[in-house]
PDB file of N, CA and C in Angstrom:
ATOM      1  N   UNK A   1     -27.146  32.143  98.206  1.00  0.00           N
ATOM      2  CA  UNK A   1     -27.376  32.469  96.804  1.00  0.00           C
ATOM      3  C   UNK A   1     -26.185  31.956  95.991  1.00  0.00           C
ATOM      4  N   UNK A   2     -26.476  31.357  94.841  1.00  0.00           N
ATOM      5  CA  UNK A   2     -25.406  30.882  93.975  1.00  0.00           C
ATOM      6  C   UNK A   2     -25.416  31.674  92.659  1.00  0.00           C
ATOM      7  N   UNK A   3     -24.480  31.354  91.787  1.00  0.00           N
ATOM      8  CA  UNK A   3     -24.297  32.102  90.546  1.00  0.00           C
ATOM      9  C   UNK A   3     -25.545  32.029  89.659  1.00  0.00           C
ATOM     10  N   UNK A   4     -26.171  30.865  89.593  1.00  0.00           N
ATOM     11  CA  UNK A   4     -27.344  30.702  88.730  1.00  0.00           C
ATOM     12  C   UNK A   4     -28.530  31.524  89.239  1.00  0.00           C
ATOM     13  N   UNK A   5     -28.653  31.658  90.546  1.00  0.00           N
ATOM     14  CA  UNK A   5     -29.712  32.507  91.088  1.00  0.00           C
ATOM     15  C   UNK A   5     -29.457  33.965  90.729  1.00  0.00           C
ATOM     16  N   UNK A   6     -28.194  34.382  90.781  1.00  0.00           N
ATOM     17  CA  UNK A   6     -27.865  35.749  90.366  1.00  0.00           C
ATOM     18  C   UNK A   6     -28.236  35.976  88.906  1.00  0.00           C
ATOM     19  N   UNK A   7     -27.965  34.986  88.055  1.00  0.00           N
ATOM     20  CA  UNK A   7     -28.292  35.126  86.634  1.00  0.00           C
ATOM     21  C   UNK A   7     -29.790  35.237  86.393  1.00  0.00           C
ATOM     22  N   UNK A   8     -30.592  34.619  87.243  1.00  0.00           N
ATOM     23  CA  UNK A   8     -32.047  34.654  87.075  1.00  0.00           C
ATOM     24  C   UNK A   8     -32.680  35.901  87.680  1.00  0.00           C
ATOM     25  N   UNK A   9     -31.893  36.679  88.426  1.00  0.00           N
ATOM     26  CA  UNK A   9     -32.400  37.890  89.054  1.00  0.00           C
ATOM     27  C   UNK A   9     -32.569  38.991  88.009  1.00  0.00           C
ATOM     28  N   UNK A  10     -33.608  39.797  88.182  1.00  0.00           N
ATOM     29  CA  UNK A  10     -33.867  40.891  87.240  1.00  0.00           C
ATOM     30  C   UNK A  10     -32.786  41.963  87.367  1.00  0.00           C
ATOM     31  N   UNK A  11     -32.563  42.682  86.276  1.00  0.00           N
ATOM     32  CA  UNK A  11     -31.519  43.703  86.230  1.00  0.00           C
ATOM     33  C   UNK A  11     -31.770  44.781  87.277  1.00  0.00           C
ATOM     34  N   UNK A  12     -33.006  45.186  87.446  1.00  0.00           N
ATOM     35  CA  UNK A  12     -33.310  46.233  88.430  1.00  0.00           C
ATOM     36  C   UNK A  12     -32.927  45.779  89.841  1.00  0.00           C
ATOM     37  N   UNK A  13     -33.198  44.523  90.155  1.00  0.00           N
ATOM     38  CA  UNK A  13     -32.834  44.003  91.474  1.00  0.00           C
ATOM     39  C   UNK A  13     -31.318  43.897  91.616  1.00  0.00           C
ATOM     40  N   UNK A  14     -30.644  43.510  90.536  1.00  0.00           N
ATOM     41  CA  UNK A  14     -29.184  43.445  90.569  1.00  0.00           C
ATOM     42  C   UNK A  14     -28.594  44.825  90.816  1.00  0.00           C
ATOM     43  N   UNK A  15     -29.162  45.841  90.186  1.00  0.00           N
ATOM     44  CA  UNK A  15     -28.673  47.211  90.375  1.00  0.00           C
ATOM     45  C   UNK A  15     -28.871  47.668  91.818  1.00  0.00           C
ATOM     46  N   UNK A  16     -30.027  47.302  92.394  1.00  0.00           N
ATOM     47  CA  UNK A  16     -30.278  47.650  93.799  1.00  0.00           C
ATOM     48  C   UNK A  16     -29.257  46.972  94.708  1.00  0.00           C
ATOM     49  N   UNK A  17     -28.957  45.722  94.424  1.00  0.00           N
ATOM     50  CA  UNK A  17     -27.970  45.000  95.226  1.00  0.00           C
ATOM     51  C   UNK A  17     -26.587  45.631  95.085  1.00  0.00           C
ATOM     52  N   UNK A  18     -26.232  46.029  93.858  1.00  0.00           N
ATOM     53  CA  UNK A  18     -24.909  46.592  93.595  1.00  0.00           C
ATOM     54  C   UNK A  18     -24.737  47.967  94.233  1.00  0.00           C
ATOM     55  N   UNK A  19     -25.828  48.712  94.364  1.00  0.00           N
ATOM     56  CA  UNK A  19     -25.748  50.045  94.966  1.00  0.00           C
ATOM     57  C   UNK A  19     -25.361  49.984  96.440  1.00  0.00           C
ATOM     58  N   UNK A  20     -25.511  48.843  97.066  1.00  0.00           N
ATOM     59  CA  UNK A  20     -25.139  48.676  98.474  1.00  0.00           C
ATOM     60  C   UNK A  20     -23.630  48.662  98.660  1.00  0.00           C
ATOM     61  N   UNK A  21     -22.894  48.450  97.578  1.00  0.00           N
ATOM     62  CA  UNK A  21     -21.432  48.420  97.629  1.00  0.00           C
ATOM     63  C   UNK A  21     -20.902  49.727  97.064  1.00  0.00           C
ATOM     64  N   UNK A  22     -20.292  50.561  97.918  1.00  0.00           N
ATOM     65  CA  UNK A  22     -19.829  51.876  97.441  1.00  0.00           C
ATOM     66  C   UNK A  22     -18.690  51.805  96.426  1.00  0.00           C
ATOM     67  N   UNK A  23     -17.944  50.711  96.407  1.00  0.00           N
ATOM     68  CA  UNK A  23     -16.833  50.631  95.461  1.00  0.00           C
ATOM     69  C   UNK A  23     -17.261  50.200  94.056  1.00  0.00           C
ATOM     70  N   UNK A  24     -18.537  49.877  93.863  1.00  0.00           N
ATOM     71  CA  UNK A  24     -19.062  49.586  92.524  1.00  0.00           C
ATOM     72  C   UNK A  24     -19.703  50.861  92.009  1.00  0.00           C
ATOM     73  N   UNK A  25     -19.117  51.442  90.967  1.00  0.00           N
ATOM     74  CA  UNK A  25     -19.650  52.689  90.432  1.00  0.00           C
ATOM     75  C   UNK A  25     -20.243  52.460  89.046  1.00  0.00           C
ATOM     76  N   UNK A  26     -21.090  53.378  88.622  1.00  0.00           N
ATOM     77  CA  UNK A  26     -21.693  53.300  87.300  1.00  0.00           C
ATOM     78  C   UNK A  26     -22.655  52.145  87.148  1.00  0.00           C
ATOM     79  N   UNK A  27     -23.412  51.867  88.208  1.00  0.00           N
ATOM     80  CA  UNK A  27     -24.316  50.718  88.223  1.00  0.00           C
ATOM     81  C   UNK A  27     -25.374  50.830  87.128  1.00  0.00           C
ATOM     82  N   UNK A  28     -25.899  52.027  86.913  1.00  0.00           N
ATOM     83  CA  UNK A  28     -26.988  52.176  85.941  1.00  0.00           C
ATOM     84  C   UNK A  28     -26.528  51.952  84.503  1.00  0.00           C
ATOM     85  N   UNK A  29     -25.240  52.097  84.239  1.00  0.00           N
ATOM     86  CA  UNK A  29     -24.730  51.925  82.881  1.00  0.00           C
ATOM     87  C   UNK A  29     -24.240  50.524  82.573  1.00  0.00           C
ATOM     88  N   UNK A  30     -24.243  49.661  83.566  1.00  0.00           N
ATOM     89  CA  UNK A  30     -23.722  48.304  83.370  1.00  0.00           C
ATOM     90  C   UNK A  30     -24.824  47.357  82.915  1.00  0.00           C
ATOM     91  N   UNK A  31     -24.440  46.367  82.122  1.00  0.00           N
ATOM     92  CA  UNK A  31     -25.376  45.354  81.654  1.00  0.00           C
ATOM     93  C   UNK A  31     -25.542  44.247  82.686  1.00  0.00           C
ATOM     94  N   UNK A  32     -26.458  43.357  82.428  1.00  0.00           N
ATOM     95  CA  UNK A  32     -26.774  42.293  83.364  1.00  0.00           C
ATOM     96  C   UNK A  32     -25.583  41.374  83.613  1.00  0.00           C
ATOM     97  N   UNK A  33     -24.900  40.952  82.557  1.00  0.00           N
ATOM     98  CA  UNK A  33     -23.762  40.041  82.723  1.00  0.00           C
ATOM     99  C   UNK A  33     -22.675  40.664  83.588  1.00  0.00           C
ATOM    100  N   UNK A  34     -22.402  41.930  83.341  1.00  0.00           N
ATOM    101  CA  UNK A  34     -21.369  42.619  84.106  1.00  0.00           C
ATOM    102  C   UNK A  34     -21.780  42.748  85.574  1.00  0.00           C
ATOM    103  N   UNK A  35     -23.048  43.065  85.817  1.00  0.00           N
ATOM    104  CA  UNK A  35     -23.535  43.169  87.191  1.00  0.00           C
ATOM    105  C   UNK A  35     -23.463  41.829  87.911  1.00  0.00           C
ATOM    106  N   UNK A  36     -23.842  40.772  87.213  1.00  0.00           N
ATOM    107  CA  UNK A  36     -23.793  39.435  87.816  1.00  0.00           C
ATOM    108  C   UNK A  36     -22.362  39.089  88.192  1.00  0.00           C
ATOM    109  N   UNK A  37     -21.424  39.353  87.303  1.00  0.00           N
ATOM    110  CA  UNK A  37     -20.016  39.058  87.584  1.00  0.00           C
ATOM    111  C   UNK A  37     -19.488  39.864  88.765  1.00  0.00           C
ATOM    112  N   UNK A  38     -19.818  41.165  88.805  1.00  0.00           N
ATOM    113  CA  UNK A  38     -19.360  42.013  89.904  1.00  0.00           C
ATOM    114  C   UNK A  38     -19.943  41.560  91.243  1.00  0.00           C
ATOM    115  N   UNK A  39     -21.234  41.289  91.262  1.00  0.00           N
ATOM    116  CA  UNK A  39     -21.883  40.863  92.509  1.00  0.00           C
ATOM    117  C   UNK A  39     -21.379  39.499  92.957  1.00  0.00           C
ATOM    118  N   UNK A  40     -21.146  38.612  92.008  1.00  0.00           N
ATOM    119  CA  UNK A  40     -20.624  37.298  92.364  1.00  0.00           C
ATOM    120  C   UNK A  40     -19.256  37.445  93.020  1.00  0.00           C
ATOM    121  N   UNK A  41     -18.446  38.342  92.495  1.00  0.00           N
ATOM    122  CA  UNK A  41     -17.125  38.584  93.073  1.00  0.00           C
ATOM    123  C   UNK A  41     -17.251  39.154  94.487  1.00  0.00           C
ATOM    124  N   UNK A  42     -18.163  40.108  94.665  1.00  0.00           N
ATOM    125  CA  UNK A  42     -18.356  40.735  95.980  1.00  0.00           C
ATOM    126  C   UNK A  42     -18.911  39.748  96.999  1.00  0.00           C
ATOM    127  N   UNK A  43     -19.788  38.859  96.554  1.00  0.00           N
ATOM    128  CA  UNK A  43     -20.420  37.907  97.467  1.00  0.00           C
ATOM    129  C   UNK A  43     -19.600  36.640  97.645  1.00  0.00           C
ATOM    130  N   UNK A  44     -18.489  36.540  96.917  1.00  0.00           N
ATOM    131  CA  UNK A  44     -17.637  35.360  97.045  1.00  0.00           C
ATOM    132  C   UNK A  44     -18.210  34.124  96.387  1.00  0.00           C
ATOM    133  N   UNK A  45     -18.976  34.334  95.317  1.00  0.00           N
ATOM    134  CA  UNK A  45     -19.595  33.223  94.592  1.00  0.00           C
ATOM    135  C   UNK A  45     -18.735  32.898  93.385  1.00  0.00           C
ATOM    136  N   UNK A  46     -18.390  31.627  93.230  1.00  0.00           N
ATOM    137  CA  UNK A  46     -17.576  31.216  92.088  1.00  0.00           C
ATOM    138  C   UNK A  46     -18.419  31.139  90.827  1.00  0.00           C
ATOM    139  N   UNK A  47     -17.822  31.589  89.730  1.00  0.00           N
ATOM    140  CA  UNK A  47     -18.476  31.478  88.423  1.00  0.00           C
ATOM    141  C   UNK A  47     -18.281  30.047  87.930  1.00  0.00           C
ATOM    142  N   UNK A  48     -19.352  29.394  87.482  1.00  0.00           N
ATOM    143  CA  UNK A  48     -19.206  28.009  87.019  1.00  0.00           C
ATOM    144  C   UNK A  48     -18.309  27.915  85.790  1.00  0.00           C
ATOM    145  N   UNK A  49     -17.629  26.804  85.673  1.00  0.00           N
ATOM    146  CA  UNK A  49     -16.731  26.577  84.550  1.00  0.00           C
ATOM    147  C   UNK A  49     -17.522  26.222  83.305  1.00  0.00           C
ATOM    148  N   UNK A  50     -16.892  26.373  82.148  1.00  0.00           N
ATOM    149  CA  UNK A  50     -17.547  26.049  80.882  1.00  0.00           C
ATOM    150  C   UNK A  50     -17.700  24.550  80.674  1.00  0.00           C
ATOM    151  N   UNK A  51     -16.921  23.764  81.382  1.00  0.00           N
ATOM    152  CA  UNK A  51     -17.025  22.319  81.238  1.00  0.00           C
ATOM    153  C   UNK A  51     -18.218  21.856  82.065  1.00  0.00           C
ATOM    154  N   UNK A  52     -19.243  21.359  81.392  1.00  0.00           N
ATOM    155  CA  UNK A  52     -20.460  20.920  82.070  1.00  0.00           C
ATOM    156  C   UNK A  52     -20.681  19.445  81.801  1.00  0.00           C
ATOM    157  N   UNK A  53     -20.862  18.693  82.834  1.00  0.00           N
ATOM    158  CA  UNK A  53     -21.137  17.273  82.667  1.00  0.00           C
ATOM    159  C   UNK A  53     -19.971  16.518  82.065  1.00  0.00           C
ATOM    160  N   UNK A  54     -18.764  16.972  82.311  1.00  0.00           N
ATOM    161  CA  UNK A  54     -17.592  16.279  81.797  1.00  0.00           C
ATOM    162  C   UNK A  54     -17.325  16.528  80.322  1.00  0.00           C
ATOM    163  N   UNK A  55     -17.975  17.538  79.720  1.00  0.00           N
ATOM    164  CA  UNK A  55     -17.733  17.832  78.308  1.00  0.00           C
ATOM    165  C   UNK A  55     -17.167  19.241  78.169  1.00  0.00           C
ATOM    166  N   UNK A  56     -16.465  19.488  77.096  1.00  0.00           N
ATOM    167  CA  UNK A  56     -15.938  20.809  76.798  1.00  0.00           C
ATOM    168  C   UNK A  56     -16.902  21.490  75.837  1.00  0.00           C
ATOM    169  N   UNK A  57     -17.763  22.316  76.386  1.00  0.00           N
ATOM    170  CA  UNK A  57     -18.830  22.947  75.620  1.00  0.00           C
ATOM    171  C   UNK A  57     -18.286  23.788  74.465  1.00  0.00           C
ATOM    172  N   UNK A  58     -17.223  24.521  74.720  1.00  0.00           N
ATOM    173  CA  UNK A  58     -16.658  25.388  73.686  1.00  0.00           C
ATOM    174  C   UNK A  58     -16.159  24.572  72.498  1.00  0.00           C
ATOM    175  N   UNK A  59     -15.495  23.446  72.773  1.00  0.00           N
ATOM    176  CA  UNK A  59     -14.964  22.606  71.691  1.00  0.00           C
ATOM    177  C   UNK A  59     -16.102  22.000  70.868  1.00  0.00           C
ATOM    178  N   UNK A  60     -17.174  21.603  71.535  1.00  0.00           N
ATOM    179  CA  UNK A  60     -18.311  21.020  70.818  1.00  0.00           C
ATOM    180  C   UNK A  60     -18.977  22.067  69.935  1.00  0.00           C
ATOM    181  N   UNK A  61     -19.143  23.273  70.451  1.00  0.00           N
ATOM    182  CA  UNK A  61     -19.766  24.325  69.648  1.00  0.00           C
ATOM    183  C   UNK A  61     -18.898  24.703  68.447  1.00  0.00           C
ATOM    184  N   UNK A  62     -17.583  24.670  68.627  1.00  0.00           N
ATOM    185  CA  UNK A  62     -16.677  24.931  67.504  1.00  0.00           C
ATOM    186  C   UNK A  62     -16.839  23.852  66.440  1.00  0.00           C
ATOM    187  N   UNK A  63     -16.913  22.610  66.873  1.00  0.00           N
ATOM    188  CA  UNK A  63     -17.092  21.488  65.945  1.00  0.00           C
ATOM    189  C   UNK A  63     -18.437  21.604  65.211  1.00  0.00           C
ATOM    190  N   UNK A  64     -19.472  22.041  65.911  1.00  0.00           N
ATOM    191  CA  UNK A  64     -20.786  22.225  65.284  1.00  0.00           C
ATOM    192  C   UNK A  64     -20.701  23.283  64.186  1.00  0.00           C
ATOM    193  N   UNK A  65     -20.016  24.397  64.455  1.00  0.00           N
ATOM    194  CA  UNK A  65     -19.866  25.439  63.429  1.00  0.00           C
ATOM    195  C   UNK A  65     -19.129  24.904  62.208  1.00  0.00           C
ATOM    196  N   UNK A  66     -18.085  24.108  62.439  1.00  0.00           N
ATOM    197  CA  UNK A  66     -17.338  23.518  61.324  1.00  0.00           C
ATOM    198  C   UNK A  66     -18.225  22.573  60.513  1.00  0.00           C
ATOM    199  N   UNK A  67     -19.017  21.767  61.210  1.00  0.00           N
ATOM    200  CA  UNK A  67     -19.897  20.827  60.513  1.00  0.00           C
ATOM    201  C   UNK A  67     -20.994  21.546  59.729  1.00  0.00           C
ATOM    202  N   UNK A  68     -21.467  22.671  60.231  1.00  0.00           N
ATOM    203  CA  UNK A  68     -22.469  23.444  59.495  1.00  0.00           C
ATOM    204  C   UNK A  68     -21.885  23.959  58.178  1.00  0.00           C
ATOM    205  N   UNK A  69     -20.651  24.415  58.227  1.00  0.00           N
ATOM    206  CA  UNK A  69     -19.990  24.877  56.999  1.00  0.00           C
ATOM    207  C   UNK A  69     -19.808  23.710  56.038  1.00  0.00           C
ATOM    208  N   UNK A  70     -19.422  22.564  56.576  1.00  0.00           N
ATOM    209  CA  UNK A  70     -19.261  21.367  55.731  1.00  0.00           C
ATOM    210  C   UNK A  70     -20.603  20.945  55.148  1.00  0.00           C
ATOM    211  N   UNK A  71     -21.651  21.033  55.941  1.00  0.00           N
ATOM    212  CA  UNK A  71     -22.990  20.686  55.464  1.00  0.00           C
ATOM    213  C   UNK A  71     -23.389  21.550  54.278  1.00  0.00           C
ATOM    214  N   UNK A  72     -23.081  22.847  54.359  1.00  0.00           N
ATOM    215  CA  UNK A  72     -23.401  23.753  53.250  1.00  0.00           C
ATOM    216  C   UNK A  72     -22.639  23.365  51.984  1.00  0.00           C
ATOM    217  N   UNK A  73     -21.371  23.008  52.146  1.00  0.00           N
ATOM    218  CA  UNK A  73     -20.574  22.587  50.977  1.00  0.00           C
ATOM    219  C   UNK A  73     -21.141  21.300  50.366  1.00  0.00           C
ATOM    220  N   UNK A  74     -21.518  20.356  51.220  1.00  0.00           N
ATOM    221  CA  UNK A  74     -22.045  19.070  50.741  1.00  0.00           C
ATOM    222  C   UNK A  74     -23.402  19.272  50.061  1.00  0.00           C
ATOM    223  N   UNK A  75     -24.207  20.194  50.584  1.00  0.00           N
ATOM    224  CA  UNK A  75     -25.497  20.498  49.954  1.00  0.00           C
ATOM    225  C   UNK A  75     -25.300  21.022  48.537  1.00  0.00           C
ATOM    226  N   UNK A  76     -24.314  21.903  48.365  1.00  0.00           N
ATOM    227  CA  UNK A  76     -24.032  22.430  47.032  1.00  0.00           C
ATOM    228  C   UNK A  76     -23.550  21.339  46.091  1.00  0.00           C
ATOM    229  N   UNK A  77     -22.777  20.391  46.633  1.00  0.00           N
ATOM    230  CA  UNK A  77     -22.244  19.294  45.816  1.00  0.00           C
ATOM    231  C   UNK A  77     -23.294  18.209  45.570  1.00  0.00           C
ATOM    232  N   UNK A  78     -24.398  18.273  46.282  1.00  0.00           N
ATOM    233  CA  UNK A  78     -25.504  17.311  46.168  1.00  0.00           C
ATOM    234  C   UNK A  78     -25.027  15.871  46.406  1.00  0.00           C
ATOM    235  N   UNK A  79     -24.231  15.718  47.459  1.00  0.00           N
ATOM    236  CA  UNK A  79     -23.698  14.412  47.845  1.00  0.00           C
ATOM    237  C   UNK A  79     -24.542  13.881  49.013  1.00  0.00           C
ATOM    238  N   UNK A  80     -25.598  13.145  48.704  1.00  0.00           N
ATOM    239  CA  UNK A  80     -26.559  12.687  49.707  1.00  0.00           C
ATOM    240  C   UNK A  80     -25.948  11.813  50.800  1.00  0.00           C
ATOM    241  N   UNK A  81     -25.120  10.819  50.472  1.00  0.00           N
ATOM    242  CA  UNK A  81     -24.546   9.995  51.553  1.00  0.00           C
ATOM    243  C   UNK A  81     -23.675  10.800  52.528  1.00  0.00           C
ATOM    244  N   UNK A  82     -22.877  11.713  51.990  1.00  0.00           N
ATOM    245  CA  UNK A  82     -22.031  12.549  52.859  1.00  0.00           C
ATOM    246  C   UNK A  82     -22.895  13.501  53.684  1.00  0.00           C
ATOM    247  N   UNK A  83     -23.958  14.010  53.087  1.00  0.00           N
ATOM    248  CA  UNK A  83     -24.868  14.904  53.794  1.00  0.00           C
ATOM    249  C   UNK A  83     -25.485  14.193  54.995  1.00  0.00           C
ATOM    250  N   UNK A  84     -25.866  12.955  54.796  1.00  0.00           N
ATOM    251  CA  UNK A  84     -26.449  12.182  55.892  1.00  0.00           C
ATOM    252  C   UNK A  84     -25.448  12.017  57.033  1.00  0.00           C
ATOM    253  N   UNK A  85     -24.191  11.734  56.698  1.00  0.00           N
ATOM    254  CA  UNK A  85     -23.159  11.566  57.728  1.00  0.00           C
ATOM    255  C   UNK A  85     -22.944  12.858  58.517  1.00  0.00           C
ATOM    256  N   UNK A  86     -22.894  13.988  57.806  1.00  0.00           N
ATOM    257  CA  UNK A  86     -22.680  15.276  58.467  1.00  0.00           C
ATOM    258  C   UNK A  86     -23.856  15.608  59.373  1.00  0.00           C
ATOM    259  N   UNK A  87     -25.063  15.383  58.888  1.00  0.00           N
ATOM    260  CA  UNK A  87     -26.251  15.672  59.697  1.00  0.00           C
ATOM    261  C   UNK A  87     -26.306  14.801  60.951  1.00  0.00           C
ATOM    262  N   UNK A  88     -25.911  13.544  60.842  1.00  0.00           N
ATOM    263  CA  UNK A  88     -25.889  12.650  62.005  1.00  0.00           C
ATOM    264  C   UNK A  88     -24.873  13.137  63.042  1.00  0.00           C
ATOM    265  N   UNK A  89     -23.701  13.590  62.559  1.00  0.00           N
ATOM    266  CA  UNK A  89     -22.689  14.122  63.476  1.00  0.00           C
ATOM    267  C   UNK A  89     -23.214  15.360  64.203  1.00  0.00           C
ATOM    268  N   UNK A  90     -23.872  16.248  63.439  1.00  0.00           N
ATOM    269  CA  UNK A  90     -24.466  17.438  64.047  1.00  0.00           C
ATOM    270  C   UNK A  90     -25.494  17.053  65.104  1.00  0.00           C
ATOM    271  N   UNK A  91     -26.334  16.098  64.761  1.00  0.00           N
ATOM    272  CA  UNK A  91     -27.377  15.651  65.694  1.00  0.00           C
ATOM    273  C   UNK A  91     -26.753  15.120  66.982  1.00  0.00           C
ATOM    274  N   UNK A  92     -25.721  14.286  66.858  1.00  0.00           N
ATOM    275  CA  UNK A  92     -25.079  13.704  68.042  1.00  0.00           C
ATOM    276  C   UNK A  92     -24.455  14.776  68.932  1.00  0.00           C
ATOM    277  N   UNK A  93     -23.793  15.746  68.316  1.00  0.00           N
ATOM    278  CA  UNK A  93     -23.162  16.807  69.101  1.00  0.00           C
ATOM    279  C   UNK A  93     -24.200  17.673  69.804  1.00  0.00           C
ATOM    280  N   UNK A  94     -25.269  18.013  69.110  1.00  0.00           N
ATOM    281  CA  UNK A  94     -26.334  18.807  69.737  1.00  0.00           C
ATOM    282  C   UNK A  94     -26.984  18.038  70.880  1.00  0.00           C
ATOM    283  N   UNK A  95     -27.188  16.756  70.673  1.00  0.00           N
ATOM    284  CA  UNK A  95     -27.763  15.910  71.713  1.00  0.00           C
ATOM    285  C   UNK A  95     -26.842  15.870  72.941  1.00  0.00           C
ATOM    286  N   UNK A  96     -25.550  15.796  72.690  1.00  0.00           N
ATOM    287  CA  UNK A  96     -24.573  15.769  73.779  1.00  0.00           C
ATOM    288  C   UNK A  96     -24.657  17.069  74.594  1.00  0.00           C
ATOM    289  N   UNK A  97     -24.796  18.197  73.924  1.00  0.00           N
ATOM    290  CA  UNK A  97     -24.935  19.483  74.626  1.00  0.00           C
ATOM    291  C   UNK A  97     -26.218  19.539  75.449  1.00  0.00           C
ATOM    292  N   UNK A  98     -27.319  19.104  74.856  1.00  0.00           N
ATOM    293  CA  UNK A  98     -28.596  19.131  75.569  1.00  0.00           C
ATOM    294  C   UNK A  98     -28.562  18.217  76.796  1.00  0.00           C
ATOM    295  N   UNK A  99     -27.998  17.049  76.647  1.00  0.00           N
ATOM    296  CA  UNK A  99     -27.914  16.098  77.761  1.00  0.00           C
ATOM    297  C   UNK A  99     -27.079  16.680  78.892  1.00  0.00           C
ATOM    298  N   UNK A 100     -25.971  17.306  78.549  1.00  0.00           N
ATOM    299  CA  UNK A 100     -25.111  17.916  79.577  1.00  0.00           C
ATOM    300  C   UNK A 100     -25.821  19.065  80.261  1.00  0.00           C
ATOM    301  N   UNK A 101     -26.619  19.830  79.517  1.00  0.00           N
ATOM    302  CA  UNK A 101     -27.340  20.956  80.100  1.00  0.00           C
ATOM    303  C   UNK A 101     -28.416  20.481  81.084  1.00  0.00           C
ATOM    304  N   UNK A 102     -29.029  19.338  80.809  1.00  0.00           N
ATOM    305  CA  UNK A 102     -30.058  18.806  81.694  1.00  0.00           C
ATOM    306  C   UNK A 102     -29.479  18.320  83.002  1.00  0.00           C
ATOM    307  N   UNK A 103     -28.250  17.802  82.961  1.00  0.00           N
ATOM    308  CA  UNK A 103     -27.654  17.246  84.178  1.00  0.00           C
ATOM    309  C   UNK A 103     -27.119  18.320  85.099  1.00  0.00           C
ATOM    310  N   UNK A 104     -26.913  19.542  84.582  1.00  0.00           N
ATOM    311  CA  UNK A 104     -26.387  20.596  85.445  1.00  0.00           C
ATOM    312  C   UNK A 104     -27.296  21.780  85.465  1.00  0.00           C
TER     313      UNK A 104
END
């Protein structure tokens, strides 16, 4: 079993798995992400890194947020050529994220 399989497992099944470990307490009060992390640690499964497909996902998402704010400013200024440039940049970054997600 790998980390992605744990993420796809239902919460009820994760809770059943966690109950087998006596040192994990408060299973019923934990959320899915927390259960997945705890079980991955117990099973010796590494959590995948945020860098997928050779890209820094966090940096790209930050850039997308910045471009969205810039897009809003350009829309208010009614600057069509600049708006087109910002939208193209957004499109390229989103495409880069989707492509990286497909490869991993």
